[in-house]
């Protein structure tokens, strides 16, 4: 297991948007959470599901978001989708990890 030093600084927060607009205008084109003090983040996993529970996107890199398309590049329709994000938060000092899971919905608007 690797240890990281979570330095004092801005408080760690994971801010998850509830709407994104993948219309190629370079504003909110990807569903990606905003992370403050990323050095405190470990074991990140994000999954996006349809309203029927089908997994349509997953990532283990917090800075890579879903662009609203299928694996083949076809756009998903506007509507409500659901996400699950899990991660470990390293407390200042480096050794204590707190596991967190966040769930919610997001609106894809084109």
C-alpha atoms as a PDB file:
ATOM      1  CA  UNK A   1       0.000   0.000   0.000  1.00  0.00           C
ATOM      2  CA  UNK A   2       1.322   3.426  -0.913  1.00  0.00           C
ATOM      3  CA  UNK A   3       1.069   6.311   1.502  1.00  0.00           C
ATOM      4  CA  UNK A   4       0.483   9.879   0.445  1.00  0.00           C
ATOM      5  CA  UNK A   5       0.933  13.043   2.421  1.00  0.00           C
ATOM      6  CA  UNK A   6      -2.297  14.979   2.484  1.00  0.00           C
ATOM      7  CA  UNK A   7      -1.011  18.460   3.123  1.00  0.00           C
ATOM      8  CA  UNK A   8      -2.861  21.134   4.981  1.00  0.00           C
ATOM      9  CA  UNK A   9      -4.482  23.512   2.614  1.00  0.00           C
ATOM     10  CA  UNK A  10      -7.922  23.747   1.103  1.00  0.00           C
ATOM     11  CA  UNK A  11     -10.408  21.391   2.659  1.00  0.00           C
ATOM     12  CA  UNK A  12     -11.071  18.320   0.516  1.00  0.00           C
ATOM     13  CA  UNK A  13     -14.400  18.459  -1.312  1.00  0.00           C
ATOM     14  CA  UNK A  14     -15.924  16.499  -4.174  1.00  0.00           C
ATOM     15  CA  UNK A  15     -18.527  18.694  -5.866  1.00  0.00           C
ATOM     16  CA  UNK A  16     -20.822  16.804  -8.241  1.00  0.00           C
ATOM     17  CA  UNK A  17     -22.879  18.746 -10.825  1.00  0.00           C
ATOM     18  CA  UNK A  18     -26.460  17.660 -11.459  1.00  0.00           C
ATOM     19  CA  UNK A  19     -26.737  18.952 -15.058  1.00  0.00           C
ATOM     20  CA  UNK A  20     -24.388  18.843 -18.015  1.00  0.00           C
ATOM     21  CA  UNK A  21     -24.778  19.874 -21.643  1.00  0.00           C
ATOM     22  CA  UNK A  22     -22.614  17.864 -24.086  1.00  0.00           C
ATOM     23  CA  UNK A  23     -23.212  20.107 -27.104  1.00  0.00           C
ATOM     24  CA  UNK A  24     -19.564  20.856 -28.044  1.00  0.00           C
ATOM     25  CA  UNK A  25     -19.622  24.481 -26.862  1.00  0.00           C
ATOM     26  CA  UNK A  26     -16.728  23.787 -24.440  1.00  0.00           C
ATOM     27  CA  UNK A  27     -18.924  24.599 -21.420  1.00  0.00           C
ATOM     28  CA  UNK A  28     -20.180  21.705 -19.260  1.00  0.00           C
ATOM     29  CA  UNK A  29     -19.525  19.209 -22.071  1.00  0.00           C
ATOM     30  CA  UNK A  30     -18.536  16.421 -19.661  1.00  0.00           C
ATOM     31  CA  UNK A  31     -20.049  15.082 -16.475  1.00  0.00           C
ATOM     32  CA  UNK A  32     -17.083  15.280 -14.127  1.00  0.00           C
ATOM     33  CA  UNK A  33     -16.956  16.198 -10.441  1.00  0.00           C
ATOM     34  CA  UNK A  34     -14.810  19.078  -9.243  1.00  0.00           C
ATOM     35  CA  UNK A  35     -12.163  18.056  -6.714  1.00  0.00           C
ATOM     36  CA  UNK A  36     -10.392  20.364  -4.293  1.00  0.00           C
ATOM     37  CA  UNK A  37      -7.124  19.189  -2.736  1.00  0.00           C
ATOM     38  CA  UNK A  38      -6.849  16.131  -5.008  1.00  0.00           C
ATOM     39  CA  UNK A  39      -3.826  14.814  -3.127  1.00  0.00           C
ATOM     40  CA  UNK A  40      -6.305  13.631  -0.469  1.00  0.00           C
ATOM     41  CA  UNK A  41      -8.227  11.470  -2.991  1.00  0.00           C
ATOM     42  CA  UNK A  42      -7.521   7.756  -3.445  1.00  0.00           C
ATOM     43  CA  UNK A  43      -9.289   4.694  -4.917  1.00  0.00           C
ATOM     44  CA  UNK A  44     -11.661   6.771  -7.075  1.00  0.00           C
ATOM     45  CA  UNK A  45     -14.432   5.043  -9.051  1.00  0.00           C
ATOM     46  CA  UNK A  46     -17.382   6.604 -10.907  1.00  0.00           C
ATOM     47  CA  UNK A  47     -20.219   4.800 -12.661  1.00  0.00           C
ATOM     48  CA  UNK A  48     -23.154   6.215 -14.651  1.00  0.00           C
ATOM     49  CA  UNK A  49     -26.398   4.267 -15.148  1.00  0.00           C
ATOM     50  CA  UNK A  50     -29.578   4.622 -17.168  1.00  0.00           C
ATOM     51  CA  UNK A  51     -32.856   4.979 -15.301  1.00  0.00           C
ATOM     52  CA  UNK A  52     -33.285   1.213 -15.737  1.00  0.00           C
ATOM     53  CA  UNK A  53     -30.005   0.476 -13.969  1.00  0.00           C
ATOM     54  CA  UNK A  54     -27.850  -0.384 -16.993  1.00  0.00           C
ATOM     55  CA  UNK A  55     -24.204   0.601 -16.563  1.00  0.00           C
ATOM     56  CA  UNK A  56     -23.222   2.914 -19.435  1.00  0.00           C
ATOM     57  CA  UNK A  57     -19.993   4.549 -18.237  1.00  0.00           C
ATOM     58  CA  UNK A  58     -17.293   3.986 -15.645  1.00  0.00           C
ATOM     59  CA  UNK A  59     -13.952   5.565 -14.798  1.00  0.00           C
ATOM     60  CA  UNK A  60     -11.221   5.305 -12.197  1.00  0.00           C
ATOM     61  CA  UNK A  61      -9.669   8.692 -13.047  1.00  0.00           C
ATOM     62  CA  UNK A  62     -11.389  11.619 -11.341  1.00  0.00           C
ATOM     63  CA  UNK A  63     -10.414  14.141 -14.019  1.00  0.00           C
ATOM     64  CA  UNK A  64     -11.952  12.107 -16.869  1.00  0.00           C
ATOM     65  CA  UNK A  65     -15.684  12.582 -17.235  1.00  0.00           C
ATOM     66  CA  UNK A  66     -18.553  11.147 -19.243  1.00  0.00           C
ATOM     67  CA  UNK A  67     -19.223  12.971 -22.516  1.00  0.00           C
ATOM     68  CA  UNK A  68     -22.833  11.782 -22.866  1.00  0.00           C
ATOM     69  CA  UNK A  69     -22.040   9.319 -25.631  1.00  0.00           C
ATOM     70  CA  UNK A  70     -21.966   5.566 -25.963  1.00  0.00           C
ATOM     71  CA  UNK A  71     -18.685   3.681 -26.253  1.00  0.00           C
ATOM     72  CA  UNK A  72     -19.148   3.893 -30.041  1.00  0.00           C
ATOM     73  CA  UNK A  73     -19.661   7.677 -30.019  1.00  0.00           C
ATOM     74  CA  UNK A  74     -23.437   7.746 -30.469  1.00  0.00           C
ATOM     75  CA  UNK A  75     -25.174  10.313 -28.232  1.00  0.00           C
ATOM     76  CA  UNK A  76     -27.428   9.182 -25.415  1.00  0.00           C
ATOM     77  CA  UNK A  77     -30.795  10.970 -25.378  1.00  0.00           C
ATOM     78  CA  UNK A  78     -31.584  13.863 -23.072  1.00  0.00           C
ATOM     79  CA  UNK A  79     -32.899  12.730 -19.754  1.00  0.00           C
ATOM     80  CA  UNK A  80     -32.126  11.665 -16.231  1.00  0.00           C
ATOM     81  CA  UNK A  81     -29.214   9.358 -15.462  1.00  0.00           C
ATOM     82  CA  UNK A  82     -27.827   8.128 -12.170  1.00  0.00           C
ATOM     83  CA  UNK A  83     -24.295   8.093 -10.827  1.00  0.00           C
ATOM     84  CA  UNK A  84     -22.374   6.376  -8.071  1.00  0.00           C
ATOM     85  CA  UNK A  85     -18.995   7.706  -7.007  1.00  0.00           C
ATOM     86  CA  UNK A  86     -16.848   5.967  -4.422  1.00  0.00           C
ATOM     87  CA  UNK A  87     -13.450   7.030  -3.155  1.00  0.00           C
ATOM     88  CA  UNK A  88     -11.174   7.014  -0.161  1.00  0.00           C
ATOM     89  CA  UNK A  89     -10.202  10.229   1.506  1.00  0.00           C
ATOM     90  CA  UNK A  90      -6.773  10.416   3.091  1.00  0.00           C
ATOM     91  CA  UNK A  91      -6.835  12.492   6.247  1.00  0.00           C
ATOM     92  CA  UNK A  92      -4.115  15.102   6.860  1.00  0.00           C
ATOM     93  CA  UNK A  93      -1.125  13.197   8.185  1.00  0.00           C
ATOM     94  CA  UNK A  94      -1.429  10.508   5.550  1.00  0.00           C
ATOM     95  CA  UNK A  95      -2.397   7.181   7.140  1.00  0.00           C
ATOM     96  CA  UNK A  96      -6.121   7.231   7.893  1.00  0.00           C
ATOM     97  CA  UNK A  97      -8.472   6.574   5.011  1.00  0.00           C
ATOM     98  CA  UNK A  98     -12.179   7.271   5.088  1.00  0.00           C
ATOM     99  CA  UNK A  99     -14.266   5.476   2.450  1.00  0.00           C
ATOM    100  CA  UNK A 100     -17.107   7.494   0.957  1.00  0.00           C
ATOM    101  CA  UNK A 101     -19.863   6.665  -1.543  1.00  0.00           C
ATOM    102  CA  UNK A 102     -21.986   9.359  -3.160  1.00  0.00           C
ATOM    103  CA  UNK A 103     -25.071   8.587  -5.234  1.00  0.00           C
ATOM    104  CA  UNK A 104     -27.394  10.877  -7.106  1.00  0.00           C
ATOM    105  CA  UNK A 105     -28.951  11.813 -10.393  1.00  0.00           C
ATOM    106  CA  UNK A 106     -27.867  14.022 -13.243  1.00  0.00           C
ATOM    107  CA  UNK A 107     -29.667  15.615 -16.145  1.00  0.00           C
ATOM    108  CA  UNK A 108     -28.208  15.332 -19.628  1.00  0.00           C
ATOM    109  CA  UNK A 109     -29.462  18.317 -21.660  1.00  0.00           C
ATOM    110  CA  UNK A 110     -28.337  18.828 -25.266  1.00  0.00           C
END
